[in-house]
């Protein structure tokens, strides 16, 4: 819908013109580029799914799911692995040391069978 035509419709309607008069006026002025008299809904042929992770400040990781792909446990596990690698790259310590690598912490995680090691 053309912005100019919207403005003309609003202005003409406020001046008391009927919908038919406004439509005829638009047909004269815009010929082939005139807005249709009746609006019709168009269904999108492209459907896109976005998987997005965010914190309180911004978006941490986003991925568009390709068409025809089912989001099952296997696919989602791959997304989570990419998310974790992205977090490790983005939020390293100020000295660029990897997380949880001191021997005391690694030993703690090994003894508790944690997923972080």
N, C-alpha and C. Protein backbone atom coordinates (compact mmCIF):
# COMPACT_ATOMS: atom_id res chain seq x y z
N UNK A 1 0.85 -1.17 0.00
CA UNK A 1 0.00 0.00 0.00
C UNK A 1 0.89 1.23 0.00
N UNK A 2 0.62 2.12 -0.89
CA UNK A 2 1.43 3.32 -1.04
C UNK A 2 1.11 4.31 0.08
N UNK A 3 2.13 4.90 0.65
CA UNK A 3 1.95 5.85 1.75
C UNK A 3 1.17 7.08 1.30
N UNK A 4 1.42 7.56 0.08
CA UNK A 4 0.68 8.71 -0.45
C UNK A 4 -0.81 8.43 -0.49
N UNK A 5 -1.15 7.25 -0.98
CA UNK A 5 -2.56 6.91 -1.11
C UNK A 5 -3.23 6.78 0.26
N UNK A 6 -2.51 6.32 1.24
CA UNK A 6 -3.06 6.25 2.60
C UNK A 6 -3.39 7.64 3.11
N UNK A 7 -2.48 8.58 2.87
CA UNK A 7 -2.70 9.95 3.33
C UNK A 7 -3.91 10.55 2.63
N UNK A 8 -4.03 10.31 1.33
CA UNK A 8 -5.17 10.83 0.57
C UNK A 8 -6.48 10.24 1.10
N UNK A 9 -6.48 8.95 1.40
CA UNK A 9 -7.69 8.30 1.92
C UNK A 9 -8.09 8.92 3.25
N UNK A 10 -7.14 9.10 4.16
CA UNK A 10 -7.45 9.70 5.46
C UNK A 10 -7.99 11.12 5.31
N UNK A 11 -7.32 11.91 4.48
CA UNK A 11 -7.72 13.30 4.28
C UNK A 11 -9.11 13.38 3.67
N UNK A 12 -9.36 12.58 2.64
CA UNK A 12 -10.66 12.62 1.96
C UNK A 12 -11.78 12.13 2.87
N UNK A 13 -11.50 11.11 3.66
CA UNK A 13 -12.52 10.58 4.57
C UNK A 13 -12.89 11.62 5.63
N UNK A 14 -11.88 12.34 6.13
CA UNK A 14 -12.16 13.39 7.12
C UNK A 14 -12.92 14.56 6.52
N UNK A 15 -12.82 14.74 5.20
CA UNK A 15 -13.56 15.81 4.53
C UNK A 15 -14.95 15.36 4.10
N UNK A 16 -15.37 14.16 4.46
CA UNK A 16 -16.73 13.71 4.22
C UNK A 16 -16.98 12.98 2.92
N UNK A 17 -15.95 12.57 2.21
CA UNK A 17 -16.15 11.82 0.96
C UNK A 17 -16.46 10.36 1.30
N UNK A 18 -17.23 9.72 0.45
CA UNK A 18 -17.56 8.32 0.65
C UNK A 18 -16.44 7.44 0.12
N UNK A 19 -16.49 6.16 0.47
CA UNK A 19 -15.46 5.23 0.03
C UNK A 19 -15.44 5.10 -1.48
N UNK A 20 -16.61 5.11 -2.11
CA UNK A 20 -16.69 5.00 -3.57
C UNK A 20 -16.07 6.21 -4.24
N UNK A 21 -16.34 7.39 -3.71
CA UNK A 21 -15.76 8.62 -4.28
C UNK A 21 -14.24 8.63 -4.14
N UNK A 22 -13.77 8.19 -3.00
CA UNK A 22 -12.31 8.15 -2.78
C UNK A 22 -11.67 7.15 -3.73
N UNK A 23 -12.30 5.99 -3.92
CA UNK A 23 -11.76 4.97 -4.81
C UNK A 23 -11.71 5.47 -6.25
N UNK A 24 -12.76 6.14 -6.71
CA UNK A 24 -12.79 6.69 -8.07
C UNK A 24 -11.69 7.75 -8.24
N UNK A 25 -11.51 8.58 -7.22
CA UNK A 25 -10.48 9.61 -7.27
C UNK A 25 -9.08 8.97 -7.36
N UNK A 26 -8.84 7.90 -6.61
CA UNK A 26 -7.55 7.21 -6.66
C UNK A 26 -7.33 6.54 -8.01
N UNK A 27 -8.40 5.99 -8.61
CA UNK A 27 -8.28 5.36 -9.93
C UNK A 27 -7.88 6.38 -10.98
N UNK A 28 -8.44 7.58 -10.91
CA UNK A 28 -8.10 8.63 -11.87
C UNK A 28 -6.65 9.06 -11.68
N UNK A 29 -6.24 9.24 -10.43
CA UNK A 29 -4.90 9.77 -10.15
C UNK A 29 -3.80 8.73 -10.37
N UNK A 30 -4.02 7.48 -9.96
CA UNK A 30 -2.95 6.49 -9.96
C UNK A 30 -3.09 5.39 -11.01
N UNK A 31 -4.18 5.33 -11.70
CA UNK A 31 -4.45 4.36 -12.77
C UNK A 31 -4.13 2.92 -12.33
N UNK A 32 -3.08 2.33 -12.86
CA UNK A 32 -2.76 0.92 -12.59
C UNK A 32 -2.19 0.69 -11.18
N UNK A 33 -1.61 1.72 -10.60
CA UNK A 33 -1.00 1.57 -9.27
C UNK A 33 -1.97 1.88 -8.15
N UNK A 34 -3.24 1.93 -8.48
CA UNK A 34 -4.26 2.25 -7.49
C UNK A 34 -4.45 1.08 -6.52
N UNK A 35 -4.75 1.42 -5.28
CA UNK A 35 -5.05 0.39 -4.29
C UNK A 35 -6.34 -0.34 -4.67
N UNK A 36 -6.45 -1.63 -4.36
CA UNK A 36 -7.71 -2.33 -4.65
C UNK A 36 -8.83 -1.83 -3.74
N UNK A 37 -10.05 -1.98 -4.22
CA UNK A 37 -11.19 -1.51 -3.43
C UNK A 37 -11.38 -2.37 -2.18
N UNK A 38 -11.18 -3.66 -2.33
CA UNK A 38 -11.30 -4.56 -1.19
C UNK A 38 -9.92 -5.12 -0.86
N UNK A 39 -9.60 -5.13 0.41
CA UNK A 39 -8.32 -5.69 0.84
C UNK A 39 -8.42 -7.21 0.84
N UNK A 40 -7.33 -7.86 0.54
CA UNK A 40 -7.29 -9.31 0.60
C UNK A 40 -6.04 -9.74 1.37
N UNK A 41 -6.20 -10.79 2.09
CA UNK A 41 -5.09 -11.32 2.86
C UNK A 41 -4.26 -12.24 1.98
N UNK A 42 -2.97 -12.12 2.08
CA UNK A 42 -2.07 -13.00 1.35
C UNK A 42 -1.33 -13.85 2.36
N UNK A 43 -1.43 -15.14 2.20
CA UNK A 43 -0.76 -16.06 3.11
C UNK A 43 0.70 -16.18 2.68
N UNK A 44 1.58 -16.09 3.65
CA UNK A 44 3.00 -16.18 3.37
C UNK A 44 3.35 -17.59 2.91
N UNK A 45 4.12 -17.69 1.84
CA UNK A 45 4.55 -18.98 1.35
C UNK A 45 5.87 -19.40 1.99
N UNK A 46 6.50 -18.47 2.66
CA UNK A 46 7.78 -18.75 3.30
C UNK A 46 7.58 -18.73 4.81
N UNK A 47 7.83 -19.86 5.44
CA UNK A 47 7.74 -19.94 6.89
C UNK A 47 9.14 -20.16 7.43
N UNK A 48 9.50 -19.39 8.40
CA UNK A 48 10.84 -19.45 8.96
C UNK A 48 10.75 -19.63 10.46
N UNK A 49 11.60 -20.48 11.01
CA UNK A 49 11.66 -20.66 12.45
C UNK A 49 13.01 -20.15 12.93
N UNK A 50 12.98 -19.40 14.01
CA UNK A 50 14.18 -18.84 14.60
C UNK A 50 14.32 -19.37 16.02
N UNK A 51 15.50 -19.89 16.32
CA UNK A 51 15.83 -20.28 17.69
C UNK A 51 16.75 -19.19 18.22
N UNK A 52 16.35 -18.58 19.33
CA UNK A 52 17.06 -17.40 19.82
C UNK A 52 17.28 -17.53 21.33
N UNK A 53 18.50 -17.22 21.76
CA UNK A 53 18.84 -17.20 23.18
C UNK A 53 19.30 -15.79 23.53
N UNK A 54 18.81 -15.28 24.66
CA UNK A 54 19.16 -13.92 25.04
C UNK A 54 19.34 -13.83 26.55
N UNK A 55 20.07 -12.79 26.96
CA UNK A 55 20.18 -12.49 28.37
C UNK A 55 19.50 -11.14 28.59
N UNK A 56 19.75 -10.51 29.74
CA UNK A 56 19.06 -9.25 30.04
C UNK A 56 19.53 -8.10 29.17
N UNK A 57 20.70 -8.23 28.52
CA UNK A 57 21.24 -7.12 27.74
C UNK A 57 21.01 -7.26 26.24
N UNK A 58 21.27 -8.42 25.70
CA UNK A 58 21.17 -8.57 24.24
C UNK A 58 20.99 -10.03 23.86
N UNK A 59 20.97 -10.27 22.55
CA UNK A 59 20.84 -11.63 22.03
C UNK A 59 22.21 -12.30 22.05
N UNK A 60 22.28 -13.47 22.65
CA UNK A 60 23.54 -14.20 22.73
C UNK A 60 23.77 -15.03 21.47
N UNK A 61 22.74 -15.75 21.05
CA UNK A 61 22.88 -16.67 19.91
C UNK A 61 21.55 -16.78 19.19
N UNK A 62 21.60 -16.77 17.86
CA UNK A 62 20.38 -16.96 17.07
C UNK A 62 20.69 -17.85 15.88
N UNK A 63 19.72 -18.69 15.53
CA UNK A 63 19.87 -19.61 14.40
C UNK A 63 18.54 -19.74 13.69
N UNK A 64 18.57 -19.64 12.37
CA UNK A 64 17.38 -19.90 11.58
C UNK A 64 17.37 -21.39 11.24
N UNK A 65 16.22 -22.01 11.44
CA UNK A 65 16.06 -23.42 11.12
C UNK A 65 15.78 -23.54 9.62
N UNK A 66 16.56 -24.31 8.88
CA UNK A 66 16.32 -24.46 7.44
C UNK A 66 14.94 -25.07 7.16
N UNK A 67 14.36 -24.71 6.01
CA UNK A 67 13.06 -25.26 5.63
C UNK A 67 13.14 -26.78 5.52
N UNK A 68 12.12 -27.45 6.01
CA UNK A 68 12.05 -28.90 5.94
C UNK A 68 12.78 -29.62 7.05
N UNK A 69 13.44 -28.88 7.93
CA UNK A 69 14.17 -29.50 9.04
C UNK A 69 13.26 -29.63 10.25
N UNK A 70 13.23 -30.80 10.85
CA UNK A 70 12.45 -31.00 12.06
C UNK A 70 13.34 -30.71 13.26
N UNK A 71 12.80 -29.94 14.20
CA UNK A 71 13.56 -29.62 15.40
C UNK A 71 13.29 -30.74 16.41
N UNK A 72 14.17 -31.72 16.37
CA UNK A 72 14.07 -32.84 17.32
C UNK A 72 15.23 -32.74 18.30
N UNK A 73 15.38 -33.74 19.14
CA UNK A 73 16.42 -33.71 20.17
C UNK A 73 17.81 -33.61 19.57
N UNK A 74 18.05 -34.32 18.48
CA UNK A 74 19.37 -34.33 17.85
C UNK A 74 19.72 -32.94 17.31
N UNK A 75 18.78 -32.31 16.62
CA UNK A 75 19.03 -30.98 16.06
C UNK A 75 19.24 -29.97 17.19
N UNK A 76 18.38 -30.05 18.21
CA UNK A 76 18.45 -29.10 19.31
C UNK A 76 19.75 -29.25 20.10
N UNK A 77 20.26 -30.48 20.21
CA UNK A 77 21.53 -30.71 20.88
C UNK A 77 22.66 -30.00 20.13
N UNK A 78 22.63 -30.04 18.80
CA UNK A 78 23.62 -29.32 18.01
C UNK A 78 23.54 -27.82 18.23
N UNK A 79 22.32 -27.30 18.34
CA UNK A 79 22.14 -25.87 18.61
C UNK A 79 22.72 -25.51 19.97
N UNK A 80 22.47 -26.35 20.97
CA UNK A 80 23.00 -26.08 22.31
C UNK A 80 24.52 -26.14 22.34
N UNK A 81 25.12 -27.06 21.58
CA UNK A 81 26.59 -27.13 21.51
C UNK A 81 27.16 -25.85 20.90
N UNK A 82 26.53 -25.36 19.83
CA UNK A 82 26.99 -24.11 19.22
C UNK A 82 26.79 -22.93 20.16
N UNK A 83 25.70 -22.97 20.95
CA UNK A 83 25.45 -21.92 21.93
C UNK A 83 26.54 -21.90 22.99
N UNK A 84 26.90 -23.07 23.51
CA UNK A 84 27.93 -23.14 24.55
C UNK A 84 29.27 -22.66 24.02
N UNK A 85 29.62 -23.06 22.79
CA UNK A 85 30.90 -22.60 22.23
C UNK A 85 30.87 -21.08 22.02
N UNK A 86 29.72 -20.55 21.64
CA UNK A 86 29.60 -19.10 21.46
C UNK A 86 29.76 -18.37 22.79
N UNK A 87 29.15 -18.92 23.86
CA UNK A 87 29.26 -18.31 25.18
C UNK A 87 30.71 -18.34 25.65
N UNK A 88 31.40 -19.45 25.44
CA UNK A 88 32.80 -19.55 25.86
C UNK A 88 33.68 -18.55 25.13
N UNK A 89 33.40 -18.29 23.85
CA UNK A 89 34.18 -17.31 23.10
C UNK A 89 33.86 -15.88 23.52
N UNK A 90 32.59 -15.59 23.75
CA UNK A 90 32.16 -14.22 24.05
C UNK A 90 32.53 -13.79 25.46
N UNK A 91 32.36 -14.69 26.43
CA UNK A 91 32.45 -14.30 27.83
C UNK A 91 33.65 -14.93 28.52
N UNK A 92 34.84 -14.77 27.94
CA UNK A 92 36.04 -15.29 28.59
C UNK A 92 36.45 -14.35 29.72
N UNK A 93 37.28 -14.87 30.59
CA UNK A 93 37.81 -14.07 31.68
C UNK A 93 38.67 -12.94 31.12
N UNK A 94 38.90 -11.87 31.91
CA UNK A 94 39.71 -10.75 31.41
C UNK A 94 41.11 -11.15 30.95
N UNK A 95 41.69 -12.20 31.54
CA UNK A 95 43.02 -12.64 31.13
C UNK A 95 42.94 -13.68 30.01
N UNK A 96 41.76 -13.88 29.44
CA UNK A 96 41.50 -14.83 28.35
C UNK A 96 41.77 -16.28 28.75
N UNK A 97 41.72 -16.57 30.03
CA UNK A 97 41.89 -17.95 30.49
C UNK A 97 40.58 -18.71 30.27
N UNK A 98 40.67 -19.96 29.86
CA UNK A 98 39.45 -20.75 29.68
C UNK A 98 38.75 -20.97 31.03
N UNK A 99 37.45 -21.16 30.99
CA UNK A 99 36.68 -21.38 32.20
C UNK A 99 36.99 -22.75 32.79
N UNK A 100 36.95 -22.85 34.09
CA UNK A 100 37.01 -24.11 34.83
C UNK A 100 38.24 -24.95 34.47
N UNK A 101 39.39 -24.33 34.29
CA UNK A 101 40.57 -25.11 33.93
C UNK A 101 41.61 -25.23 35.05
N UNK A 102 41.53 -24.46 36.13
CA UNK A 102 42.49 -24.72 37.22
C UNK A 102 42.30 -26.15 37.74
N UNK A 103 43.39 -26.75 38.21
CA UNK A 103 43.35 -28.15 38.64
C UNK A 103 42.37 -28.38 39.78
N UNK A 104 42.28 -27.41 40.70
CA UNK A 104 41.37 -27.62 41.83
C UNK A 104 39.91 -27.67 41.36
N UNK A 105 39.55 -26.81 40.42
CA UNK A 105 38.17 -26.79 39.92
C UNK A 105 37.91 -28.00 39.03
N UNK A 106 38.87 -28.36 38.18
CA UNK A 106 38.71 -29.53 37.32
C UNK A 106 38.54 -30.79 38.16
N UNK A 107 39.32 -30.90 39.23
CA UNK A 107 39.18 -32.05 40.13
C UNK A 107 37.82 -32.09 40.80
N UNK A 108 37.32 -30.92 41.19
CA UNK A 108 36.00 -30.86 41.82
C UNK A 108 34.92 -31.35 40.85
N UNK A 109 34.97 -30.85 39.61
CA UNK A 109 33.96 -31.25 38.63
C UNK A 109 34.08 -32.73 38.27
N UNK A 110 35.29 -33.25 38.23
CA UNK A 110 35.48 -34.66 37.92
C UNK A 110 34.90 -35.53 39.04
N UNK A 111 35.12 -35.12 40.27
CA UNK A 111 34.64 -35.92 41.40
C UNK A 111 33.12 -35.87 41.52
N UNK A 112 32.50 -34.80 41.08
CA UNK A 112 31.04 -34.70 41.18
C UNK A 112 30.34 -35.11 39.90
N UNK A 113 31.09 -35.57 38.90
CA UNK A 113 30.54 -36.02 37.61
C UNK A 113 29.69 -34.94 36.96
N UNK A 114 30.21 -33.74 36.93
CA UNK A 114 29.47 -32.62 36.35
C UNK A 114 29.64 -32.59 34.83
N UNK A 115 28.76 -31.90 34.15
CA UNK A 115 28.82 -31.82 32.68
C UNK A 115 29.79 -30.74 32.20
N UNK A 116 30.37 -29.96 33.13
CA UNK A 116 31.21 -28.84 32.72
C UNK A 116 32.64 -29.22 32.38
N UNK A 117 33.07 -30.44 32.64
CA UNK A 117 34.46 -30.79 32.36
C UNK A 117 34.62 -31.29 30.97
